[in-house]
Amino acid sequence: MTNKNAPSSFNDEVVINKIYEIRGQKVMLDSDLAELYQVETKRLNEQVHRNPDRFPEDFMFKLTDVEWNSLRSQIATSKGRRGGRTYLPNVFTEYGVLMLSSVLNSQQAIQANIQIVRVFARLRKLLNEHTEVRQEIAKIKKHLQNHDKNIELVFTYLDELTEKKAVPRKRIGFKPDNL
């Protein structure tokens, strides 16, 4: 759908809210991209279908019924019989979004594409930083578990020492005859 009242630029949060994780990949719906590029979804998909070699499976794929129904319930879109989509949407990975810039030549599409790619790059950077932090936390936990085991061992030895009963010991050393 073309939205003539849409601003020519948008903030990063708008893009972030349109990125979903499907099949373990960060993707954007064709309709969301069309809105950001200010073109009709039909025209965006038309260009994609005219250039199938530019959009392999790791750049773009069509959602299954199950994926679409699950996503639709999350984003509250209408059912096809009520004026909504009548076909399953295409979703584009970061690489697919990059490739769209080569098939959509409007100035708005180019500017939107640049902004979307920057958001994807920032998300990837945040994910990498998050992963590094998680790895550091895991290291600290492992280190603390080792300390816990060592402390537990010390307490076990202390318990053994305190529980030993005084057993009469055989005297050793010099014994005088008169004893």
C-alpha atoms as a PDB file:
ATOM      1  CA  MET A   1       0.000   0.000   0.000  1.00  0.00           C
ATOM      2  CA  THR A   2       1.241   3.434  -0.756  1.00  0.00           C
ATOM      3  CA  ASN A   3       0.977   5.775   2.146  1.00  0.00           C
ATOM      4  CA  LYS A   4       1.360   9.282   0.779  1.00  0.00           C
ATOM      5  CA  ASN A   5       1.227  10.769   4.292  1.00  0.00           C
ATOM      6  CA  ALA A   6       4.083   8.647   5.595  1.00  0.00           C
ATOM      7  CA  PRO A   7       7.198  10.562   6.573  1.00  0.00           C
ATOM      8  CA  SER A   8      10.135  10.308   4.206  1.00  0.00           C
ATOM      9  CA  SER A   9      12.334   9.157   7.086  1.00  0.00           C
ATOM     10  CA  PHE A  10      11.514   7.128  10.147  1.00  0.00           C
ATOM     11  CA  ASN A  11      13.220   6.327  13.379  1.00  0.00           C
ATOM     12  CA  ASP A  12      15.076   3.129  14.143  1.00  0.00           C
ATOM     13  CA  GLU A  13      12.385   1.949  16.546  1.00  0.00           C
ATOM     14  CA  VAL A  14       9.890   1.773  13.669  1.00  0.00           C
ATOM     15  CA  VAL A  15      12.239  -0.594  11.837  1.00  0.00           C
ATOM     16  CA  ILE A  16      13.071  -2.647  14.944  1.00  0.00           C
ATOM     17  CA  ASN A  17       9.364  -3.208  15.586  1.00  0.00           C
ATOM     18  CA  LYS A  18       9.015  -4.632  12.078  1.00  0.00           C
ATOM     19  CA  ILE A  19      11.809  -7.194  12.425  1.00  0.00           C
ATOM     20  CA  TYR A  20      10.693 -10.697  13.389  1.00  0.00           C
ATOM     21  CA  GLU A  21      12.576 -13.892  14.051  1.00  0.00           C
ATOM     22  CA  ILE A  22      11.381 -16.732  11.844  1.00  0.00           C
ATOM     23  CA  ARG A  23      13.262 -19.985  11.186  1.00  0.00           C
ATOM     24  CA  GLY A  24      16.095 -18.661  13.315  1.00  0.00           C
ATOM     25  CA  GLN A  25      16.598 -15.612  11.104  1.00  0.00           C
ATOM     26  CA  LYS A  26      15.804 -11.933  11.535  1.00  0.00           C
ATOM     27  CA  VAL A  27      13.365 -11.021   8.761  1.00  0.00           C
ATOM     28  CA  MET A  28      10.977  -8.311   7.619  1.00  0.00           C
ATOM     29  CA  LEU A  29       7.590  -8.772   5.935  1.00  0.00           C
ATOM     30  CA  ASP A  30       7.104  -7.645   2.363  1.00  0.00           C
ATOM     31  CA  SER A  31       4.208  -5.408   3.421  1.00  0.00           C
ATOM     32  CA  ASP A  32       6.288  -3.689   6.114  1.00  0.00           C
ATOM     33  CA  LEU A  33       9.127  -3.066   3.675  1.00  0.00           C
ATOM     34  CA  ALA A  34       6.692  -1.757   1.070  1.00  0.00           C
ATOM     35  CA  GLU A  35       5.296   0.663   3.653  1.00  0.00           C
ATOM     36  CA  LEU A  36       8.776   1.911   4.551  1.00  0.00           C
ATOM     37  CA  TYR A  37       9.743   2.220   0.877  1.00  0.00           C
ATOM     38  CA  GLN A  38       6.395   3.909   0.156  1.00  0.00           C
ATOM     39  CA  VAL A  39       5.456   1.496  -2.611  1.00  0.00           C
ATOM     40  CA  GLU A  40       2.589  -0.963  -2.893  1.00  0.00           C
ATOM     41  CA  THR A  41       3.318  -4.451  -1.581  1.00  0.00           C
ATOM     42  CA  LYS A  42       2.123  -5.765  -4.923  1.00  0.00           C
ATOM     43  CA  ARG A  43       4.762  -3.665  -6.745  1.00  0.00           C
ATOM     44  CA  LEU A  44       7.550  -4.735  -4.381  1.00  0.00           C
ATOM     45  CA  ASN A  45       6.711  -8.421  -4.909  1.00  0.00           C
ATOM     46  CA  GLU A  46       6.370  -7.820  -8.642  1.00  0.00           C
ATOM     47  CA  GLN A  47       9.972  -6.598  -8.781  1.00  0.00           C
ATOM     48  CA  VAL A  48      11.132  -9.542  -6.687  1.00  0.00           C
ATOM     49  CA  HIS A  49       9.387 -12.037  -8.984  1.00  0.00           C
ATOM     50  CA  ARG A  50      10.883 -10.344 -12.056  1.00  0.00           C
ATOM     51  CA  ASN A  51      14.340 -10.889 -10.563  1.00  0.00           C
ATOM     52  CA  PRO A  52      14.212 -14.377  -9.010  1.00  0.00           C
ATOM     53  CA  ASP A  53      17.977 -14.965  -9.349  1.00  0.00           C
ATOM     54  CA  ARG A  54      18.627 -12.067  -6.973  1.00  0.00           C
ATOM     55  CA  PHE A  55      16.548 -13.599  -4.156  1.00  0.00           C
ATOM     56  CA  PRO A  56      17.719 -17.098  -3.194  1.00  0.00           C
ATOM     57  CA  GLU A  57      16.239 -18.879  -0.147  1.00  0.00           C
ATOM     58  CA  ASP A  58      18.687 -17.258   2.288  1.00  0.00           C
ATOM     59  CA  PHE A  59      17.630 -13.773   1.065  1.00  0.00           C
ATOM     60  CA  MET A  60      13.873 -14.271   0.904  1.00  0.00           C
ATOM     61  CA  PHE A  61      11.324 -16.995   1.533  1.00  0.00           C
ATOM     62  CA  LYS A  62       7.576 -17.404   1.635  1.00  0.00           C
ATOM     63  CA  LEU A  63       5.991 -18.067   5.022  1.00  0.00           C
ATOM     64  CA  THR A  64       4.108 -21.290   5.638  1.00  0.00           C
ATOM     65  CA  ASP A  65       0.471 -21.223   6.790  1.00  0.00           C
ATOM     66  CA  VAL A  66       1.529 -22.077  10.347  1.00  0.00           C
ATOM     67  CA  GLU A  67       4.212 -19.360  10.446  1.00  0.00           C
ATOM     68  CA  TRP A  68       1.840 -16.775   8.988  1.00  0.00           C
ATOM     69  CA  ASN A  69      -0.988 -17.641  11.402  1.00  0.00           C
ATOM     70  CA  SER A  70       1.409 -17.436  14.340  1.00  0.00           C
ATOM     71  CA  LEU A  71       2.830 -14.126  13.167  1.00  0.00           C
ATOM     72  CA  ARG A  72      -0.598 -12.740  12.332  1.00  0.00           C
ATOM     73  CA  SER A  73      -1.774 -13.412  15.876  1.00  0.00           C
ATOM     74  CA  GLN A  74       1.255 -11.469  17.180  1.00  0.00           C
ATOM     75  CA  ILE A  75       0.792  -8.451  14.926  1.00  0.00           C
ATOM     76  CA  ALA A  76      -3.028  -8.489  14.836  1.00  0.00           C
ATOM     77  CA  THR A  77      -3.637  -8.473  11.094  1.00  0.00           C
ATOM     78  CA  SER A  78      -6.965  -9.339   9.569  1.00  0.00           C
ATOM     79  CA  LYS A  79      -7.886 -12.600   7.873  1.00  0.00           C
ATOM     80  CA  GLY A  80      -7.987 -12.743   4.086  1.00  0.00           C
ATOM     81  CA  ARG A  81     -11.782 -12.879   3.885  1.00  0.00           C
ATOM     82  CA  ARG A  82     -12.044  -9.555   5.698  1.00  0.00           C
ATOM     83  CA  GLY A  83      -9.995  -7.383   3.376  1.00  0.00           C
ATOM     84  CA  GLY A  84      -6.558  -8.654   4.427  1.00  0.00           C
ATOM     85  CA  ARG A  85      -3.973 -10.628   2.475  1.00  0.00           C
ATOM     86  CA  THR A  86      -5.156 -13.429   0.264  1.00  0.00           C
ATOM     87  CA  TYR A  87      -1.702 -14.984  -0.169  1.00  0.00           C
ATOM     88  CA  LEU A  88       1.196 -15.920   2.072  1.00  0.00           C
ATOM     89  CA  PRO A  89       3.725 -13.105   2.467  1.00  0.00           C
ATOM     90  CA  ASN A  90       7.346 -13.083   1.483  1.00  0.00           C
ATOM     91  CA  VAL A  91       9.867 -12.269   4.191  1.00  0.00           C
ATOM     92  CA  PHE A  92      13.306 -10.813   3.574  1.00  0.00           C
ATOM     93  CA  THR A  93      16.487 -11.424   5.539  1.00  0.00           C
ATOM     94  CA  GLU A  94      19.091  -8.685   5.905  1.00  0.00           C
ATOM     95  CA  TYR A  95      20.654  -9.814   2.629  1.00  0.00           C
ATOM     96  CA  GLY A  96      17.285  -9.724   0.917  1.00  0.00           C
ATOM     97  CA  VAL A  97      16.721  -6.176   2.141  1.00  0.00           C
ATOM     98  CA  LEU A  98      20.108  -5.237   0.681  1.00  0.00           C
ATOM     99  CA  MET A  99      19.161  -6.847  -2.628  1.00  0.00           C
ATOM    100  CA  LEU A 100      15.858  -4.944  -2.732  1.00  0.00           C
ATOM    101  CA  SER A 101      17.825  -1.742  -3.226  1.00  0.00           C
ATOM    102  CA  SER A 102      18.966  -3.072  -6.591  1.00  0.00           C
ATOM    103  CA  VAL A 103      15.415  -3.683  -7.826  1.00  0.00           C
ATOM    104  CA  LEU A 104      13.650  -0.683  -6.275  1.00  0.00           C
ATOM    105  CA  ASN A 105      15.099   2.513  -7.640  1.00  0.00           C
ATOM    106  CA  SER A 106      13.081   5.280  -6.007  1.00  0.00           C
ATOM    107  CA  GLN A 107      14.915   7.776  -3.824  1.00  0.00           C
ATOM    108  CA  GLN A 108      12.648   6.882  -0.880  1.00  0.00           C
ATOM    109  CA  ALA A 109      13.437   3.181  -1.308  1.00  0.00           C
ATOM    110  CA  ILE A 110      17.165   3.864  -1.347  1.00  0.00           C
ATOM    111  CA  GLN A 111      17.041   6.060   1.783  1.00  0.00           C
ATOM    112  CA  ALA A 112      14.788   3.602   3.612  1.00  0.00           C
ATOM    113  CA  ASN A 113      17.066   0.750   2.608  1.00  0.00           C
ATOM    114  CA  ILE A 114      20.135   2.494   4.008  1.00  0.00           C
ATOM    115  CA  GLN A 115      18.368   3.103   7.306  1.00  0.00           C
ATOM    116  CA  ILE A 116      17.076  -0.486   7.527  1.00  0.00           C
ATOM    117  CA  VAL A 117      20.523  -1.935   6.826  1.00  0.00           C
ATOM    118  CA  ARG A 118      22.015   0.277   9.549  1.00  0.00           C
ATOM    119  CA  VAL A 119      19.427  -1.015  12.028  1.00  0.00           C
ATOM    120  CA  PHE A 120      20.218  -4.626  11.092  1.00  0.00           C
ATOM    121  CA  ALA A 121      23.940  -3.888  11.609  1.00  0.00           C
ATOM    122  CA  ARG A 122      23.288  -2.337  15.045  1.00  0.00           C
ATOM    123  CA  LEU A 123      21.142  -5.310  16.051  1.00  0.00           C
ATOM    124  CA  ARG A 124      23.887  -7.705  14.984  1.00  0.00           C
ATOM    125  CA  LYS A 125      26.438  -5.708  17.001  1.00  0.00           C
ATOM    126  CA  LEU A 126      24.182  -5.729  20.074  1.00  0.00           C
ATOM    127  CA  LEU A 127      23.666  -9.467  19.706  1.00  0.00           C
ATOM    128  CA  ASN A 128      27.432 -10.043  19.506  1.00  0.00           C
ATOM    129  CA  GLU A 129      28.042  -7.884  22.582  1.00  0.00           C
ATOM    130  CA  HIS A 130      25.250  -9.711  24.395  1.00  0.00           C
ATOM    131  CA  THR A 131      26.822 -13.047  23.479  1.00  0.00           C
ATOM    132  CA  GLU A 132      30.203 -11.933  24.813  1.00  0.00           C
ATOM    133  CA  VAL A 133      28.611 -10.830  28.088  1.00  0.00           C
ATOM    134  CA  ARG A 134      26.799 -14.161  28.382  1.00  0.00           C
ATOM    135  CA  GLN A 135      30.072 -16.024  27.823  1.00  0.00           C
ATOM    136  CA  GLU A 136      31.792 -13.965  30.537  1.00  0.00           C
ATOM    137  CA  ILE A 137      28.935 -14.654  32.952  1.00  0.00           C
ATOM    138  CA  ALA A 138      29.168 -18.374  32.179  1.00  0.00           C
ATOM    139  CA  LYS A 139      32.910 -18.267  32.939  1.00  0.00           C
ATOM    140  CA  ILE A 140      32.280 -16.527  36.261  1.00  0.00           C
ATOM    141  CA  LYS A 141      29.558 -19.048  37.169  1.00  0.00           C
ATOM    142  CA  LYS A 142      31.901 -21.940  36.417  1.00  0.00           C
ATOM    143  CA  HIS A 143      34.633 -20.317  38.502  1.00  0.00           C
ATOM    144  CA  LEU A 144      32.195 -19.806  41.384  1.00  0.00           C
ATOM    145  CA  GLN A 145      31.008 -23.413  41.131  1.00  0.00           C
ATOM    146  CA  ASN A 146      34.620 -24.536  41.521  1.00  0.00           C
ATOM    147  CA  HIS A 147      34.923 -22.315  44.603  1.00  0.00           C
ATOM    148  CA  ASP A 148      31.694 -23.776  45.963  1.00  0.00           C
ATOM    149  CA  LYS A 149      33.035 -27.292  45.522  1.00  0.00           C
ATOM    150  CA  ASN A 150      36.307 -26.370  47.244  1.00  0.00           C
ATOM    151  CA  ILE A 151      34.497 -24.731  50.154  1.00  0.00           C
ATOM    152  CA  GLU A 152      32.218 -27.748  50.455  1.00  0.00           C
ATOM    153  CA  LEU A 153      35.278 -30.009  50.569  1.00  0.00           C
ATOM    154  CA  VAL A 154      36.856 -27.886  53.323  1.00  0.00           C
ATOM    155  CA  PHE A 155      33.674 -28.118  55.399  1.00  0.00           C
ATOM    156  CA  THR A 156      33.561 -31.874  54.867  1.00  0.00           C
ATOM    157  CA  TYR A 157      37.129 -32.186  56.203  1.00  0.00           C
ATOM    158  CA  LEU A 158      36.298 -29.922  59.147  1.00  0.00           C
ATOM    159  CA  ASP A 159      33.237 -32.047  59.957  1.00  0.00           C
ATOM    160  CA  GLU A 160      35.384 -35.201  59.882  1.00  0.00           C
ATOM    161  CA  LEU A 161      37.937 -33.628  62.216  1.00  0.00           C
ATOM    162  CA  THR A 162      35.341 -32.469  64.731  1.00  0.00           C
ATOM    163  CA  GLU A 163      33.467 -35.773  64.702  1.00  0.00           C
ATOM    164  CA  LYS A 164      36.525 -37.872  65.549  1.00  0.00           C
ATOM    165  CA  LYS A 165      36.151 -39.244  69.058  1.00  0.00           C
ATOM    166  CA  ALA A 166      39.054 -39.243  71.393  1.00  0.00           C
ATOM    167  CA  VAL A 167      40.316 -42.813  71.356  1.00  0.00           C
ATOM    168  CA  PRO A 168      42.696 -43.768  74.212  1.00  0.00           C
ATOM    169  CA  ARG A 169      46.139 -43.827  72.733  1.00  0.00           C
ATOM    170  CA  LYS A 170      48.898 -46.198  73.589  1.00  0.00           C
ATOM    171  CA  ARG A 171      51.570 -44.364  75.461  1.00  0.00           C
ATOM    172  CA  ILE A 172      54.898 -44.260  73.860  1.00  0.00           C
ATOM    173  CA  GLY A 173      58.227 -43.290  75.268  1.00  0.00           C
ATOM    174  CA  PHE A 174      60.194 -44.206  78.412  1.00  0.00           C
ATOM    175  CA  LYS A 175      58.317 -46.202  81.074  1.00  0.00           C
ATOM    176  CA  PRO A 176      59.766 -46.344  84.571  1.00  0.00           C
ATOM    177  CA  ASP A 177      59.687 -49.806  86.173  1.00  0.00           C
ATOM    178  CA  ASN A 178      57.733 -48.702  89.195  1.00  0.00           C
ATOM    179  CA  LEU A 179      54.636 -47.847  87.251  1.00  0.00           C
END
